[in-house]
N, C-alpha and C. Protein backbone atom coordinates (compact mmCIF):
# COMPACT_ATOMS: atom_id res chain seq x y z
N UNK A 1 83.60 -32.48 37.46
CA UNK A 1 84.90 -31.80 37.38
C UNK A 1 84.67 -30.40 36.79
N UNK A 2 85.29 -29.42 37.39
CA UNK A 2 85.24 -28.04 36.92
C UNK A 2 86.15 -27.92 35.70
N UNK A 3 85.54 -27.95 34.51
CA UNK A 3 86.34 -27.97 33.27
C UNK A 3 87.18 -26.71 33.08
N UNK A 4 86.63 -25.56 33.48
CA UNK A 4 87.39 -24.31 33.34
C UNK A 4 88.67 -24.37 34.18
N UNK A 5 88.53 -24.79 35.43
CA UNK A 5 89.71 -24.91 36.31
C UNK A 5 90.67 -25.97 35.78
N UNK A 6 90.12 -27.08 35.31
CA UNK A 6 90.97 -28.15 34.79
C UNK A 6 91.76 -27.66 33.58
N UNK A 7 91.11 -26.96 32.67
CA UNK A 7 91.79 -26.43 31.49
C UNK A 7 92.89 -25.43 31.88
N UNK A 8 92.58 -24.57 32.85
CA UNK A 8 93.57 -23.59 33.32
C UNK A 8 94.83 -24.30 33.81
N UNK A 9 94.65 -25.31 34.69
CA UNK A 9 95.80 -25.99 35.26
C UNK A 9 96.47 -26.93 34.26
N UNK A 10 95.73 -27.48 33.33
CA UNK A 10 96.34 -28.28 32.25
C UNK A 10 97.28 -27.40 31.43
N UNK A 11 96.87 -26.17 31.14
CA UNK A 11 97.73 -25.24 30.39
C UNK A 11 98.99 -24.91 31.18
N UNK A 12 98.85 -24.69 32.48
CA UNK A 12 99.99 -24.36 33.33
C UNK A 12 100.98 -25.52 33.39
N UNK A 13 100.44 -26.74 33.51
CA UNK A 13 101.30 -27.92 33.71
C UNK A 13 101.67 -28.65 32.41
N UNK A 14 101.23 -28.17 31.28
CA UNK A 14 101.49 -28.89 30.02
C UNK A 14 102.99 -29.08 29.75
N UNK A 15 103.80 -28.13 30.15
CA UNK A 15 105.25 -28.22 29.94
C UNK A 15 106.01 -28.50 31.24
N UNK A 16 105.29 -28.86 32.29
CA UNK A 16 105.93 -29.06 33.60
C UNK A 16 106.91 -30.23 33.57
N UNK A 17 108.01 -30.04 34.29
CA UNK A 17 109.03 -31.07 34.41
C UNK A 17 108.87 -31.75 35.77
N UNK A 18 108.37 -32.96 35.77
CA UNK A 18 108.14 -33.70 37.01
C UNK A 18 109.46 -34.05 37.70
N UNK A 19 110.50 -34.24 36.92
CA UNK A 19 111.77 -34.69 37.48
C UNK A 19 112.46 -33.65 38.35
N UNK A 20 112.00 -32.39 38.33
CA UNK A 20 112.66 -31.38 39.18
C UNK A 20 112.33 -31.58 40.65
N UNK A 21 111.29 -32.34 40.97
CA UNK A 21 110.93 -32.74 42.34
C UNK A 21 110.97 -31.59 43.33
N UNK A 22 110.21 -30.55 43.05
CA UNK A 22 110.13 -29.41 43.97
C UNK A 22 109.30 -29.81 45.18
N UNK A 23 109.96 -29.93 46.31
CA UNK A 23 109.34 -30.36 47.55
C UNK A 23 109.05 -29.13 48.41
N UNK A 24 107.87 -29.10 49.03
CA UNK A 24 107.52 -27.97 49.87
C UNK A 24 108.49 -27.85 51.05
N UNK A 25 108.73 -26.63 51.45
CA UNK A 25 109.65 -26.33 52.56
C UNK A 25 109.26 -27.11 53.81
N UNK A 26 107.98 -27.07 54.16
CA UNK A 26 107.53 -27.72 55.40
C UNK A 26 107.80 -29.20 55.43
N UNK A 27 107.57 -29.88 54.34
CA UNK A 27 107.82 -31.32 54.27
C UNK A 27 109.32 -31.61 54.27
N UNK A 28 110.06 -30.90 53.46
CA UNK A 28 111.51 -31.12 53.36
C UNK A 28 112.21 -30.89 54.69
N UNK A 29 111.88 -29.80 55.38
CA UNK A 29 112.55 -29.44 56.62
C UNK A 29 112.10 -30.27 57.82
N UNK A 30 110.97 -30.97 57.69
CA UNK A 30 110.44 -31.72 58.82
C UNK A 30 110.20 -33.19 58.49
N UNK A 31 110.97 -33.71 57.56
CA UNK A 31 110.78 -35.10 57.13
C UNK A 31 111.06 -36.09 58.26
N UNK A 32 111.80 -35.66 59.26
CA UNK A 32 112.08 -36.53 60.41
C UNK A 32 110.80 -36.85 61.21
N UNK A 33 109.71 -36.14 60.97
CA UNK A 33 108.45 -36.39 61.66
C UNK A 33 107.57 -37.43 60.95
N UNK A 34 108.00 -37.85 59.76
CA UNK A 34 107.21 -38.81 58.98
C UNK A 34 107.30 -40.21 59.58
N UNK A 35 106.21 -40.96 59.48
CA UNK A 35 106.28 -42.37 59.90
C UNK A 35 107.09 -43.17 58.88
N UNK A 36 107.70 -44.29 59.29
CA UNK A 36 108.52 -45.07 58.36
C UNK A 36 107.69 -45.81 57.30
N UNK A 37 106.44 -46.09 57.60
CA UNK A 37 105.52 -46.72 56.65
C UNK A 37 104.15 -46.09 56.83
N UNK A 38 103.28 -46.32 55.86
CA UNK A 38 101.91 -45.82 55.98
C UNK A 38 101.41 -45.28 54.66
N UNK A 39 100.27 -44.63 54.76
CA UNK A 39 99.61 -44.10 53.57
C UNK A 39 99.55 -42.59 53.67
N UNK A 40 99.87 -41.92 52.55
CA UNK A 40 99.92 -40.46 52.53
C UNK A 40 99.08 -39.92 51.38
N UNK A 41 98.66 -38.68 51.54
CA UNK A 41 97.94 -37.96 50.50
C UNK A 41 98.67 -36.65 50.23
N UNK A 42 99.00 -36.40 48.96
CA UNK A 42 99.50 -35.10 48.51
C UNK A 42 98.33 -34.44 47.82
N UNK A 43 97.69 -33.52 48.52
CA UNK A 43 96.45 -32.88 48.05
C UNK A 43 96.78 -31.65 47.22
N UNK A 44 96.14 -31.53 46.05
CA UNK A 44 96.43 -30.46 45.10
C UNK A 44 97.93 -30.52 44.80
N UNK A 45 98.35 -31.67 44.30
CA UNK A 45 99.77 -32.06 44.25
C UNK A 45 100.61 -31.29 43.25
N UNK A 46 100.01 -30.58 42.31
CA UNK A 46 100.82 -29.88 41.32
C UNK A 46 101.75 -30.84 40.61
N UNK A 47 103.02 -30.52 40.54
CA UNK A 47 103.96 -31.38 39.80
C UNK A 47 104.42 -32.59 40.60
N UNK A 48 103.84 -32.81 41.77
CA UNK A 48 104.07 -34.06 42.50
C UNK A 48 105.33 -34.14 43.32
N UNK A 49 105.99 -33.03 43.58
CA UNK A 49 107.23 -33.06 44.35
C UNK A 49 107.06 -33.67 45.73
N UNK A 50 105.99 -33.29 46.42
CA UNK A 50 105.75 -33.86 47.75
C UNK A 50 105.40 -35.34 47.65
N UNK A 51 104.61 -35.70 46.66
CA UNK A 51 104.23 -37.12 46.48
C UNK A 51 105.46 -37.98 46.24
N UNK A 52 106.34 -37.52 45.39
CA UNK A 52 107.57 -38.27 45.09
C UNK A 52 108.44 -38.37 46.34
N UNK A 53 108.59 -37.27 47.05
CA UNK A 53 109.38 -37.24 48.28
C UNK A 53 108.83 -38.24 49.30
N UNK A 54 107.53 -38.25 49.49
CA UNK A 54 106.89 -39.18 50.43
C UNK A 54 107.07 -40.63 50.00
N UNK A 55 106.89 -40.90 48.71
CA UNK A 55 107.04 -42.28 48.20
C UNK A 55 108.48 -42.76 48.30
N UNK A 56 109.44 -41.87 48.07
CA UNK A 56 110.85 -42.24 48.20
C UNK A 56 111.22 -42.60 49.64
N UNK A 57 110.41 -42.17 50.58
CA UNK A 57 110.63 -42.49 51.98
C UNK A 57 109.78 -43.66 52.46
N UNK A 58 109.20 -44.40 51.52
CA UNK A 58 108.52 -45.65 51.84
C UNK A 58 107.03 -45.58 52.06
N UNK A 59 106.42 -44.43 51.86
CA UNK A 59 104.97 -44.32 52.04
C UNK A 59 104.23 -44.64 50.75
N UNK A 60 103.03 -45.19 50.87
CA UNK A 60 102.13 -45.39 49.75
C UNK A 60 101.36 -44.09 49.58
N UNK A 61 101.44 -43.49 48.41
CA UNK A 61 100.95 -42.11 48.24
C UNK A 61 99.83 -42.02 47.22
N UNK A 62 98.78 -41.30 47.61
CA UNK A 62 97.77 -40.83 46.68
C UNK A 62 98.12 -39.38 46.37
N UNK A 63 98.14 -39.03 45.10
CA UNK A 63 98.44 -37.66 44.68
C UNK A 63 97.25 -37.16 43.85
N UNK A 64 96.58 -36.15 44.34
CA UNK A 64 95.38 -35.64 43.68
C UNK A 64 95.59 -34.23 43.18
N UNK A 65 95.15 -33.99 41.96
CA UNK A 65 95.15 -32.66 41.39
C UNK A 65 94.03 -32.58 40.36
N UNK A 66 93.55 -31.38 40.09
CA UNK A 66 92.49 -31.22 39.10
C UNK A 66 93.01 -31.38 37.67
N UNK A 67 94.31 -31.23 37.48
CA UNK A 67 94.92 -31.32 36.16
C UNK A 67 95.20 -32.77 35.77
N UNK A 68 94.47 -33.28 34.79
CA UNK A 68 94.76 -34.64 34.33
C UNK A 68 96.08 -34.70 33.57
N UNK A 69 96.53 -33.58 33.02
CA UNK A 69 97.82 -33.56 32.30
C UNK A 69 98.98 -33.83 33.26
N UNK A 70 98.97 -33.18 34.42
CA UNK A 70 100.07 -33.38 35.37
C UNK A 70 99.96 -34.74 36.05
N UNK A 71 98.75 -35.19 36.29
CA UNK A 71 98.54 -36.51 36.92
C UNK A 71 99.13 -37.61 36.04
N UNK A 72 98.92 -37.51 34.74
CA UNK A 72 99.49 -38.51 33.82
C UNK A 72 101.01 -38.53 33.91
N UNK A 73 101.62 -37.34 33.98
CA UNK A 73 103.08 -37.26 34.09
C UNK A 73 103.58 -37.88 35.39
N UNK A 74 102.87 -37.63 36.48
CA UNK A 74 103.27 -38.19 37.77
C UNK A 74 103.19 -39.71 37.74
N UNK A 75 102.13 -40.25 37.17
CA UNK A 75 101.99 -41.71 37.10
C UNK A 75 103.07 -42.34 36.24
N UNK A 76 103.43 -41.70 35.14
CA UNK A 76 104.52 -42.21 34.29
C UNK A 76 105.83 -42.19 35.08
N UNK A 77 106.12 -41.07 35.74
CA UNK A 77 107.35 -40.97 36.54
C UNK A 77 107.38 -42.03 37.64
N UNK A 78 106.26 -42.21 38.33
CA UNK A 78 106.19 -43.20 39.41
C UNK A 78 106.45 -44.61 38.88
N UNK A 79 105.87 -44.94 37.73
CA UNK A 79 106.08 -46.26 37.13
C UNK A 79 107.54 -46.46 36.72
N UNK A 80 108.12 -45.44 36.12
CA UNK A 80 109.52 -45.54 35.68
C UNK A 80 110.49 -45.67 36.85
N UNK A 81 110.14 -45.12 38.01
CA UNK A 81 111.04 -45.12 39.17
C UNK A 81 110.56 -46.06 40.27
N UNK A 82 109.59 -46.90 39.94
CA UNK A 82 109.09 -47.91 40.87
C UNK A 82 108.68 -47.31 42.22
N UNK A 83 107.89 -46.23 42.15
CA UNK A 83 107.41 -45.56 43.35
C UNK A 83 105.93 -45.88 43.56
N UNK A 84 105.55 -46.01 44.81
CA UNK A 84 104.17 -46.33 45.16
C UNK A 84 103.33 -45.04 45.21
N UNK A 85 102.99 -44.56 44.01
CA UNK A 85 102.17 -43.35 43.89
C UNK A 85 100.99 -43.67 42.99
N UNK A 86 99.81 -43.32 43.45
CA UNK A 86 98.61 -43.40 42.64
C UNK A 86 98.11 -41.97 42.44
N UNK A 87 98.43 -41.40 41.29
CA UNK A 87 98.01 -40.04 40.99
C UNK A 87 96.65 -40.08 40.29
N UNK A 88 95.80 -39.15 40.68
CA UNK A 88 94.43 -39.15 40.17
C UNK A 88 93.97 -37.72 39.92
N UNK A 89 93.37 -37.50 38.75
CA UNK A 89 92.71 -36.23 38.47
C UNK A 89 91.40 -36.23 39.24
N UNK A 90 91.30 -35.28 40.16
CA UNK A 90 90.17 -35.33 41.09
C UNK A 90 89.77 -33.93 41.52
N UNK A 91 88.49 -33.66 41.46
CA UNK A 91 87.94 -32.44 42.00
C UNK A 91 87.68 -32.72 43.48
N UNK A 92 88.56 -32.25 44.33
CA UNK A 92 88.50 -32.62 45.74
C UNK A 92 87.31 -32.01 46.46
N UNK A 93 86.75 -30.96 45.90
CA UNK A 93 85.53 -30.41 46.49
C UNK A 93 84.35 -31.34 46.25
N UNK A 94 84.32 -31.97 45.11
CA UNK A 94 83.23 -32.90 44.78
C UNK A 94 83.46 -34.29 45.34
N UNK A 95 84.73 -34.68 45.49
CA UNK A 95 85.07 -36.03 45.94
C UNK A 95 86.22 -35.96 46.96
N UNK A 96 85.89 -35.57 48.21
CA UNK A 96 86.93 -35.45 49.24
C UNK A 96 87.41 -36.82 49.72
N UNK A 97 88.47 -36.84 50.53
CA UNK A 97 88.99 -38.13 51.02
C UNK A 97 88.04 -38.82 52.00
N UNK A 98 88.21 -40.12 52.12
CA UNK A 98 87.43 -40.92 53.06
C UNK A 98 87.96 -40.72 54.48
N UNK A 99 87.21 -41.20 55.46
CA UNK A 99 87.57 -41.03 56.87
C UNK A 99 88.69 -41.98 57.30
N UNK A 100 89.60 -41.45 58.10
CA UNK A 100 90.64 -42.19 58.80
C UNK A 100 91.42 -43.19 57.93
N UNK A 101 91.94 -42.69 56.80
CA UNK A 101 92.72 -43.59 55.95
C UNK A 101 94.17 -43.14 55.75
N UNK A 102 94.51 -41.91 56.17
CA UNK A 102 95.86 -41.40 55.91
C UNK A 102 96.67 -41.21 57.18
N UNK A 103 97.94 -41.61 57.09
CA UNK A 103 98.91 -41.36 58.15
C UNK A 103 99.53 -39.98 58.00
N UNK A 104 99.57 -39.49 56.76
CA UNK A 104 100.15 -38.18 56.46
C UNK A 104 99.30 -37.53 55.37
N UNK A 105 99.00 -36.24 55.55
CA UNK A 105 98.39 -35.44 54.49
C UNK A 105 99.27 -34.21 54.30
N UNK A 106 99.71 -34.00 53.08
CA UNK A 106 100.54 -32.84 52.74
C UNK A 106 99.76 -31.92 51.80
N UNK A 107 99.71 -30.64 52.16
CA UNK A 107 99.05 -29.64 51.31
C UNK A 107 99.98 -28.44 51.22
N UNK A 108 100.32 -28.06 50.01
CA UNK A 108 101.20 -26.90 49.82
C UNK A 108 100.62 -25.98 48.75
N UNK A 109 100.49 -24.73 49.11
CA UNK A 109 100.06 -23.68 48.19
C UNK A 109 98.66 -23.92 47.62
N UNK A 110 97.78 -24.36 48.48
CA UNK A 110 96.38 -24.56 48.13
C UNK A 110 95.57 -24.24 49.37
N UNK A 111 94.46 -23.52 49.19
CA UNK A 111 93.64 -23.17 50.33
C UNK A 111 92.16 -23.27 49.97
N UNK A 112 91.52 -24.24 50.57
CA UNK A 112 90.07 -24.40 50.49
C UNK A 112 89.62 -24.68 51.92
N UNK A 113 89.23 -23.62 52.60
CA UNK A 113 88.93 -23.70 54.03
C UNK A 113 87.86 -24.75 54.36
N UNK A 114 86.89 -24.90 53.50
CA UNK A 114 85.78 -25.83 53.77
C UNK A 114 86.24 -27.29 53.79
N UNK A 115 87.42 -27.57 53.23
CA UNK A 115 87.94 -28.94 53.22
C UNK A 115 88.67 -29.33 54.51
N UNK A 116 89.03 -28.36 55.33
CA UNK A 116 89.84 -28.65 56.52
C UNK A 116 89.19 -29.68 57.43
N UNK A 117 87.90 -29.57 57.78
CA UNK A 117 87.31 -30.62 58.62
C UNK A 117 87.37 -32.01 57.98
N UNK A 118 87.27 -32.07 56.65
CA UNK A 118 87.35 -33.34 55.94
C UNK A 118 88.77 -33.89 55.96
N UNK A 119 89.76 -33.02 55.91
CA UNK A 119 91.16 -33.46 56.00
C UNK A 119 91.44 -34.01 57.39
N UNK A 120 90.96 -33.33 58.40
CA UNK A 120 91.13 -33.82 59.77
C UNK A 120 90.47 -35.18 59.92
N UNK A 121 89.29 -35.33 59.38
CA UNK A 121 88.56 -36.60 59.44
C UNK A 121 89.31 -37.70 58.67
N UNK A 122 90.00 -37.33 57.60
CA UNK A 122 90.72 -38.31 56.78
C UNK A 122 91.98 -38.84 57.43
N UNK A 123 92.48 -38.13 58.45
CA UNK A 123 93.67 -38.60 59.17
C UNK A 123 93.32 -39.76 60.09
N UNK A 124 94.20 -40.75 60.11
CA UNK A 124 94.09 -41.80 61.12
C UNK A 124 94.46 -41.19 62.47
N UNK A 125 94.00 -41.75 63.57
CA UNK A 125 94.49 -41.29 64.88
C UNK A 125 96.02 -41.40 64.92
N UNK A 126 96.67 -40.34 65.34
CA UNK A 126 98.13 -40.29 65.35
C UNK A 126 98.72 -39.76 64.05
N UNK A 127 97.89 -39.60 63.02
CA UNK A 127 98.36 -39.10 61.73
C UNK A 127 98.69 -37.62 61.78
N UNK A 128 99.50 -37.16 60.81
CA UNK A 128 99.90 -35.76 60.78
C UNK A 128 99.49 -35.08 59.48
N UNK A 129 99.19 -33.80 59.60
CA UNK A 129 98.96 -32.95 58.45
C UNK A 129 100.11 -31.95 58.37
N UNK A 130 100.60 -31.76 57.16
CA UNK A 130 101.64 -30.76 56.89
C UNK A 130 101.01 -29.78 55.92
N UNK A 131 100.71 -28.58 56.40
CA UNK A 131 99.95 -27.61 55.60
C UNK A 131 100.75 -26.32 55.51
N UNK A 132 101.01 -25.91 54.27
CA UNK A 132 101.80 -24.71 54.02
C UNK A 132 101.15 -23.93 52.89
N UNK A 133 100.84 -22.66 53.14
CA UNK A 133 100.28 -21.85 52.07
C UNK A 133 100.50 -20.36 52.34
N UNK A 134 100.04 -19.55 51.41
CA UNK A 134 100.31 -18.12 51.38
C UNK A 134 99.56 -17.36 52.48
N UNK A 135 100.19 -16.28 52.96
CA UNK A 135 99.59 -15.40 53.96
C UNK A 135 99.24 -14.05 53.32
N UNK A 136 98.41 -13.31 54.04
CA UNK A 136 98.02 -11.97 53.57
C UNK A 136 99.10 -10.93 53.84
N UNK A 137 99.83 -11.09 54.94
CA UNK A 137 100.91 -10.16 55.25
C UNK A 137 102.16 -10.62 54.51
N UNK A 138 102.65 -9.77 53.59
CA UNK A 138 103.71 -10.21 52.68
C UNK A 138 104.79 -9.15 52.52
N UNK A 139 105.95 -9.60 52.07
CA UNK A 139 107.07 -8.72 51.78
C UNK A 139 106.83 -8.02 50.44
N UNK A 140 107.55 -6.92 50.18
CA UNK A 140 107.34 -6.17 48.94
C UNK A 140 107.59 -6.97 47.65
N UNK A 141 108.44 -8.00 47.69
CA UNK A 141 108.75 -8.78 46.50
C UNK A 141 107.80 -9.95 46.28
N UNK A 142 106.73 -10.01 47.02
CA UNK A 142 105.77 -11.12 46.99
C UNK A 142 105.15 -11.31 45.61
N UNK A 143 104.96 -12.59 45.23
CA UNK A 143 104.38 -12.87 43.91
C UNK A 143 103.30 -13.96 43.94
N UNK A 144 102.67 -14.18 45.08
CA UNK A 144 101.64 -15.21 45.20
C UNK A 144 100.29 -14.75 44.67
N UNK A 145 99.23 -15.45 45.01
CA UNK A 145 97.90 -15.13 44.47
C UNK A 145 97.41 -13.76 44.93
N UNK A 146 96.90 -12.94 44.01
CA UNK A 146 96.41 -11.60 44.38
C UNK A 146 95.08 -11.64 45.14
N UNK A 147 94.30 -12.69 44.98
CA UNK A 147 93.00 -12.81 45.63
C UNK A 147 93.19 -13.18 47.10
N UNK A 148 92.72 -12.31 47.99
CA UNK A 148 92.88 -12.55 49.43
C UNK A 148 92.18 -13.82 49.91
N UNK A 149 91.20 -14.31 49.18
CA UNK A 149 90.52 -15.55 49.56
C UNK A 149 91.46 -16.75 49.53
N UNK A 150 92.56 -16.63 48.77
CA UNK A 150 93.52 -17.72 48.65
C UNK A 150 94.75 -17.50 49.53
N UNK A 151 94.62 -16.58 50.49
CA UNK A 151 95.72 -16.28 51.40
C UNK A 151 95.20 -16.27 52.84
N UNK A 152 96.02 -16.72 53.75
CA UNK A 152 95.64 -16.87 55.14
C UNK A 152 95.71 -15.56 55.92
N UNK A 153 94.75 -15.37 56.82
CA UNK A 153 94.82 -14.29 57.80
C UNK A 153 95.83 -14.69 58.88
N UNK A 154 96.19 -13.75 59.72
CA UNK A 154 97.15 -14.00 60.80
C UNK A 154 96.69 -15.16 61.69
N UNK A 155 97.55 -16.13 61.87
CA UNK A 155 97.31 -17.31 62.71
C UNK A 155 96.10 -18.16 62.29
N UNK A 156 95.67 -18.00 61.06
CA UNK A 156 94.46 -18.72 60.62
C UNK A 156 94.64 -20.24 60.62
N UNK A 157 95.82 -20.73 60.24
CA UNK A 157 96.01 -22.18 60.25
C UNK A 157 95.83 -22.75 61.66
N UNK A 158 96.28 -22.01 62.67
CA UNK A 158 96.09 -22.47 64.05
C UNK A 158 94.61 -22.59 64.39
N UNK A 159 93.82 -21.68 63.88
CA UNK A 159 92.37 -21.72 64.12
C UNK A 159 91.72 -22.85 63.34
N UNK A 160 92.09 -22.99 62.07
CA UNK A 160 91.47 -24.02 61.23
C UNK A 160 91.73 -25.43 61.75
N UNK A 161 92.92 -25.65 62.30
CA UNK A 161 93.29 -26.98 62.80
C UNK A 161 93.33 -27.04 64.33
N UNK A 162 92.50 -26.25 64.98
CA UNK A 162 92.55 -26.11 66.44
C UNK A 162 92.28 -27.41 67.19
N UNK A 163 91.63 -28.37 66.58
CA UNK A 163 91.36 -29.64 67.25
C UNK A 163 92.54 -30.60 67.26
N UNK A 164 93.62 -30.24 66.56
CA UNK A 164 94.78 -31.11 66.48
C UNK A 164 95.90 -30.62 67.41
N UNK A 165 96.85 -31.50 67.68
CA UNK A 165 98.02 -31.15 68.48
C UNK A 165 99.07 -30.53 67.56
N UNK A 166 99.35 -29.25 67.76
CA UNK A 166 100.32 -28.55 66.93
C UNK A 166 101.74 -29.00 67.31
N UNK A 167 102.49 -29.41 66.29
CA UNK A 167 103.87 -29.87 66.48
C UNK A 167 104.85 -28.80 66.00
N UNK A 168 104.54 -28.18 64.86
CA UNK A 168 105.39 -27.14 64.28
C UNK A 168 104.47 -26.04 63.75
N UNK A 169 104.85 -24.79 64.02
CA UNK A 169 104.11 -23.68 63.41
C UNK A 169 105.10 -22.56 63.10
N UNK A 170 105.01 -22.04 61.87
CA UNK A 170 105.85 -20.90 61.46
C UNK A 170 105.00 -19.92 60.68
N UNK A 171 105.08 -18.69 61.09
CA UNK A 171 104.45 -17.59 60.36
C UNK A 171 105.23 -16.35 60.76
N UNK A 172 106.28 -16.05 60.02
CA UNK A 172 107.22 -15.01 60.42
C UNK A 172 106.77 -13.61 60.05
N UNK A 173 105.79 -13.50 59.18
CA UNK A 173 105.25 -12.23 58.71
C UNK A 173 106.37 -11.25 58.36
N UNK A 174 106.34 -10.06 58.92
CA UNK A 174 107.32 -9.03 58.56
C UNK A 174 108.26 -8.69 59.71
N UNK A 175 108.47 -9.63 60.61
CA UNK A 175 109.37 -9.41 61.74
C UNK A 175 110.83 -9.47 61.32
N UNK A 176 111.63 -8.58 61.86
CA UNK A 176 113.08 -8.63 61.65
C UNK A 176 113.51 -8.41 60.22
N UNK A 177 114.55 -9.11 59.82
CA UNK A 177 115.14 -8.99 58.49
C UNK A 177 114.27 -9.74 57.49
N UNK A 178 113.46 -9.01 56.73
CA UNK A 178 112.51 -9.65 55.82
C UNK A 178 113.17 -10.25 54.58
N UNK A 179 114.48 -10.09 54.44
CA UNK A 179 115.19 -10.68 53.31
C UNK A 179 115.66 -12.10 53.60
N UNK A 180 115.40 -12.57 54.81
CA UNK A 180 115.78 -13.94 55.14
C UNK A 180 114.63 -14.57 55.94
N UNK A 181 114.72 -15.88 56.09
CA UNK A 181 113.70 -16.58 56.85
C UNK A 181 112.59 -17.15 55.96
N UNK A 182 111.52 -17.51 56.60
CA UNK A 182 110.36 -18.13 55.95
C UNK A 182 109.27 -17.07 55.84
N UNK A 183 109.14 -16.46 54.69
CA UNK A 183 108.27 -15.30 54.51
C UNK A 183 107.11 -15.59 53.57
N UNK A 184 106.05 -14.82 53.72
CA UNK A 184 104.89 -14.82 52.82
C UNK A 184 104.03 -16.08 52.88
N UNK A 185 104.34 -16.97 53.82
CA UNK A 185 103.59 -18.21 53.97
C UNK A 185 103.49 -18.56 55.45
N UNK A 186 102.55 -19.44 55.74
CA UNK A 186 102.45 -20.04 57.08
C UNK A 186 102.60 -21.54 56.92
N UNK A 187 103.14 -22.17 57.94
CA UNK A 187 103.36 -23.61 57.94
C UNK A 187 102.84 -24.18 59.25
N UNK A 188 102.02 -25.21 59.14
CA UNK A 188 101.54 -25.91 60.32
C UNK A 188 101.75 -27.40 60.12
N UNK A 189 102.29 -28.05 61.14
CA UNK A 189 102.33 -29.51 61.20
C UNK A 189 101.62 -29.87 62.49
N UNK A 190 100.59 -30.69 62.35
CA UNK A 190 99.78 -31.03 63.51
C UNK A 190 99.39 -32.50 63.45
N UNK A 191 99.15 -33.06 64.63
CA UNK A 191 98.85 -34.48 64.77
C UNK A 191 97.44 -34.67 65.29
N UNK A 192 96.74 -35.63 64.68
CA UNK A 192 95.42 -36.02 65.19
C UNK A 192 95.65 -36.86 66.44
N UNK A 193 94.98 -36.53 67.49
CA UNK A 193 95.17 -37.23 68.76
C UNK A 193 94.72 -38.67 68.65
N UNK A 194 95.40 -39.55 69.40
CA UNK A 194 95.06 -40.97 69.42
C UNK A 194 93.74 -41.20 70.13
């Protein structure tokens, strides 16, 4: 485990409120695409909003984050609300998911390009990935990560997941009225072929 990264995120999440259930836009707006049962992974889960949302819809959820502080909070919340969530402090670079075990993988605001082939491999045939993260082309009020390595190039998600069947894709960049719409991020929902 990368102790420096773990300490950084433990400090960020030490006062986090799990009950606010902040769900990523892509998952919330496309929940009708979820299977009624199955196993899901909320990768780099942060405060667990996606994990909770998935579990409330009947999925068995693994929630992974490098912060053991936030993972403990998620597990307590899941136990108190009788949700099927197994939250784990995990360095996903050192211990990626196993092959073909997930019906759904949700990733929001995290980008580790080298993990994409492993995420695709972790999907069961017919499974879906919901991936949403920051782009390089941004509006003037943007406040995401300053390091370009943590932001997507134009249409990069389409390239990274090119072996999957794209179901939903949004990357509005700076077209039209930049004060409305889905800005500063890209969203891909794609299905592993049967």
